[in-house]
Amino acid sequence: MATATTPQVQFKTVDELVNAAVDTIAGGVPDNIRADYLACYDGERFVDSMSYVRSYPEELPLLAELCRRSRRRSRSSTAATTASFRSPTLSFSTSDCPTAAS
């Protein structure tokens, strides 16, 4: 059985890598946005950001648990606040919280 392999792509500079990534954005991006992407990874910033990305598999389940706890607290807090102030506009968005499977 044949296995799929990930092609090895080599870049000489971080700018080449960032430009290649930005080039995959459908519809392209304006030059000022591309410049902002490049500035964000200037110097050692790209290498520094890699440690954050590598920590996702370990950290996201912890973040998901924190979001669940926050969601529970906000529901009881929102209910108490709503009862006290009768404010119909109180809300708490958890749509950006990851799930443990993320």
C-alpha atoms as a PDB file:
ATOM      1  CA  MET A   1       0.000   0.000   0.000  1.00  0.00           C
ATOM      2  CA  ALA A   2       1.374   3.405  -0.947  1.00  0.00           C
ATOM      3  CA  THR A   3       1.554   6.092   1.704  1.00  0.00           C
ATOM      4  CA  ALA A   4       1.126   9.791   1.188  1.00  0.00           C
ATOM      5  CA  THR A   5       4.123  11.934   1.899  1.00  0.00           C
ATOM      6  CA  THR A   6       4.352  15.616   2.586  1.00  0.00           C
ATOM      7  CA  PRO A   7       6.553  17.349   0.053  1.00  0.00           C
ATOM      8  CA  GLN A   8       9.562  19.059   1.555  1.00  0.00           C
ATOM      9  CA  VAL A   9       9.584  22.718   0.636  1.00  0.00           C
ATOM     10  CA  GLN A  10      12.651  24.772   1.385  1.00  0.00           C
ATOM     11  CA  PHE A  11      12.748  28.517   1.731  1.00  0.00           C
ATOM     12  CA  LYS A  12      15.890  30.609   1.886  1.00  0.00           C
ATOM     13  CA  THR A  13      14.305  33.364   3.969  1.00  0.00           C
ATOM     14  CA  VAL A  14      11.348  33.823   6.276  1.00  0.00           C
ATOM     15  CA  ASP A  15      10.040  36.412   3.808  1.00  0.00           C
ATOM     16  CA  GLU A  16       9.868  33.713   1.116  1.00  0.00           C
ATOM     17  CA  LEU A  17       7.930  31.437   3.460  1.00  0.00           C
ATOM     18  CA  VAL A  18       5.508  34.178   4.543  1.00  0.00           C
ATOM     19  CA  ASN A  19       4.967  35.290   0.938  1.00  0.00           C
ATOM     20  CA  ALA A  20       4.274  31.695  -0.103  1.00  0.00           C
ATOM     21  CA  ALA A  21       1.713  31.364   2.702  1.00  0.00           C
ATOM     22  CA  VAL A  22       0.067  34.701   1.879  1.00  0.00           C
ATOM     23  CA  ASP A  23      -0.089  33.692  -1.778  1.00  0.00           C
ATOM     24  CA  THR A  24      -2.469  30.864  -0.803  1.00  0.00           C
ATOM     25  CA  ILE A  25      -5.130  33.321   0.413  1.00  0.00           C
ATOM     26  CA  ALA A  26      -8.019  33.222  -2.035  1.00  0.00           C
ATOM     27  CA  GLY A  27      -8.398  36.465  -3.926  1.00  0.00           C
ATOM     28  CA  GLY A  28      -4.952  37.667  -2.889  1.00  0.00           C
ATOM     29  CA  VAL A  29      -4.183  40.421  -0.417  1.00  0.00           C
ATOM     30  CA  PRO A  30      -3.395  44.104  -0.849  1.00  0.00           C
ATOM     31  CA  ASP A  31       0.263  45.118  -0.655  1.00  0.00           C
ATOM     32  CA  ASN A  32      -0.188  46.876   2.698  1.00  0.00           C
ATOM     33  CA  ILE A  33      -1.610  43.692   4.255  1.00  0.00           C
ATOM     34  CA  ARG A  34       1.233  41.611   2.808  1.00  0.00           C
ATOM     35  CA  ALA A  35       3.694  44.131   4.287  1.00  0.00           C
ATOM     36  CA  ASP A  36       1.994  43.751   7.659  1.00  0.00           C
ATOM     37  CA  TYR A  37       2.329  39.953   7.514  1.00  0.00           C
ATOM     38  CA  LEU A  38       6.011  40.323   6.672  1.00  0.00           C
ATOM     39  CA  ALA A  39       6.567  42.842   9.488  1.00  0.00           C
ATOM     40  CA  CYS A  40       4.890  40.513  11.979  1.00  0.00           C
ATOM     41  CA  TYR A  41       7.505  37.850  11.319  1.00  0.00           C
ATOM     42  CA  ASP A  42      10.515  40.164  11.038  1.00  0.00           C
ATOM     43  CA  GLY A  43      13.728  39.134  12.744  1.00  0.00           C
ATOM     44  CA  GLU A  44      13.264  36.262  15.185  1.00  0.00           C
ATOM     45  CA  ARG A  45       9.491  36.653  15.449  1.00  0.00           C
ATOM     46  CA  PHE A  46       8.764  33.739  13.118  1.00  0.00           C
ATOM     47  CA  VAL A  47      10.984  31.374  15.072  1.00  0.00           C
ATOM     48  CA  ASP A  48       9.519  32.652  18.344  1.00  0.00           C
ATOM     49  CA  SER A  49       5.973  31.990  17.121  1.00  0.00           C
ATOM     50  CA  MET A  50       6.820  28.369  16.276  1.00  0.00           C
ATOM     51  CA  SER A  51       6.927  27.411  19.955  1.00  0.00           C
ATOM     52  CA  TYR A  52       3.355  28.622  20.357  1.00  0.00           C
ATOM     53  CA  VAL A  53       2.146  26.602  17.393  1.00  0.00           C
ATOM     54  CA  ARG A  54       3.978  23.507  18.606  1.00  0.00           C
ATOM     55  CA  SER A  55       2.306  23.825  22.021  1.00  0.00           C
ATOM     56  CA  TYR A  56      -1.242  23.742  20.579  1.00  0.00           C
ATOM     57  CA  PRO A  57      -1.776  19.971  20.928  1.00  0.00           C
ATOM     58  CA  GLU A  58      -0.994  20.200  24.649  1.00  0.00           C
ATOM     59  CA  GLU A  59      -2.448  23.628  25.418  1.00  0.00           C
ATOM     60  CA  LEU A  60      -5.750  23.601  23.497  1.00  0.00           C
ATOM     61  CA  PRO A  61      -7.401  20.941  25.699  1.00  0.00           C
ATOM     62  CA  LEU A  62      -6.449  23.032  28.752  1.00  0.00           C
ATOM     63  CA  LEU A  63      -7.913  26.137  27.124  1.00  0.00           C
ATOM     64  CA  ALA A  64     -11.086  24.219  26.273  1.00  0.00           C
ATOM     65  CA  GLU A  65     -11.499  23.291  29.943  1.00  0.00           C
ATOM     66  CA  LEU A  66     -10.958  26.910  31.015  1.00  0.00           C
ATOM     67  CA  CYS A  67     -13.596  28.015  28.511  1.00  0.00           C
ATOM     68  CA  ARG A  68     -16.060  25.432  29.853  1.00  0.00           C
ATOM     69  CA  ARG A  69     -15.488  26.685  33.404  1.00  0.00           C
ATOM     70  CA  SER A  70     -15.838  30.295  32.291  1.00  0.00           C
ATOM     71  CA  ARG A  71     -19.022  29.435  30.406  1.00  0.00           C
ATOM     72  CA  ARG A  72     -20.532  27.858  33.548  1.00  0.00           C
ATOM     73  CA  ARG A  73     -19.574  30.869  35.699  1.00  0.00           C
ATOM     74  CA  SER A  74     -20.844  33.350  33.132  1.00  0.00           C
ATOM     75  CA  ARG A  75     -24.209  31.603  32.889  1.00  0.00           C
ATOM     76  CA  SER A  76     -24.806  31.803  36.626  1.00  0.00           C
ATOM     77  CA  SER A  77     -23.360  35.311  36.806  1.00  0.00           C
ATOM     78  CA  THR A  78     -25.418  36.487  33.844  1.00  0.00           C
ATOM     79  CA  ALA A  79     -28.575  35.004  35.334  1.00  0.00           C
ATOM     80  CA  ALA A  80     -27.971  36.769  38.652  1.00  0.00           C
ATOM     81  CA  THR A  81     -27.099  40.054  36.952  1.00  0.00           C
ATOM     82  CA  THR A  82     -30.091  39.846  34.653  1.00  0.00           C
ATOM     83  CA  ALA A  83     -32.380  39.203  37.610  1.00  0.00           C
ATOM     84  CA  SER A  84     -30.900  42.173  39.468  1.00  0.00           C
ATOM     85  CA  PHE A  85     -30.777  44.677  36.635  1.00  0.00           C
ATOM     86  CA  ARG A  86     -33.291  43.269  34.161  1.00  0.00           C
ATOM     87  CA  SER A  87     -30.911  43.947  31.306  1.00  0.00           C
ATOM     88  CA  PRO A  88     -31.935  41.976  28.201  1.00  0.00           C
ATOM     89  CA  THR A  89     -28.665  42.721  26.396  1.00  0.00           C
ATOM     90  CA  LEU A  90     -26.288  40.695  28.565  1.00  0.00           C
ATOM     91  CA  SER A  91     -24.569  37.906  26.696  1.00  0.00           C
ATOM     92  CA  PHE A  92     -21.415  35.865  26.736  1.00  0.00           C
ATOM     93  CA  SER A  93     -19.940  34.487  23.540  1.00  0.00           C
ATOM     94  CA  THR A  94     -18.101  31.180  23.730  1.00  0.00           C
ATOM     95  CA  SER A  95     -18.048  30.601  19.987  1.00  0.00           C
ATOM     96  CA  ASP A  96     -14.281  31.171  19.900  1.00  0.00           C
ATOM     97  CA  CYS A  97     -13.553  28.618  22.611  1.00  0.00           C
ATOM     98  CA  PRO A  98     -11.932  25.458  21.259  1.00  0.00           C
ATOM     99  CA  THR A  99     -13.283  22.025  21.961  1.00  0.00           C
ATOM    100  CA  ALA A 100     -11.036  19.420  23.557  1.00  0.00           C
ATOM    101  CA  ALA A 101     -10.890  17.673  20.180  1.00  0.00           C
ATOM    102  CA  SER A 102      -9.572  20.802  18.411  1.00  0.00           C
END
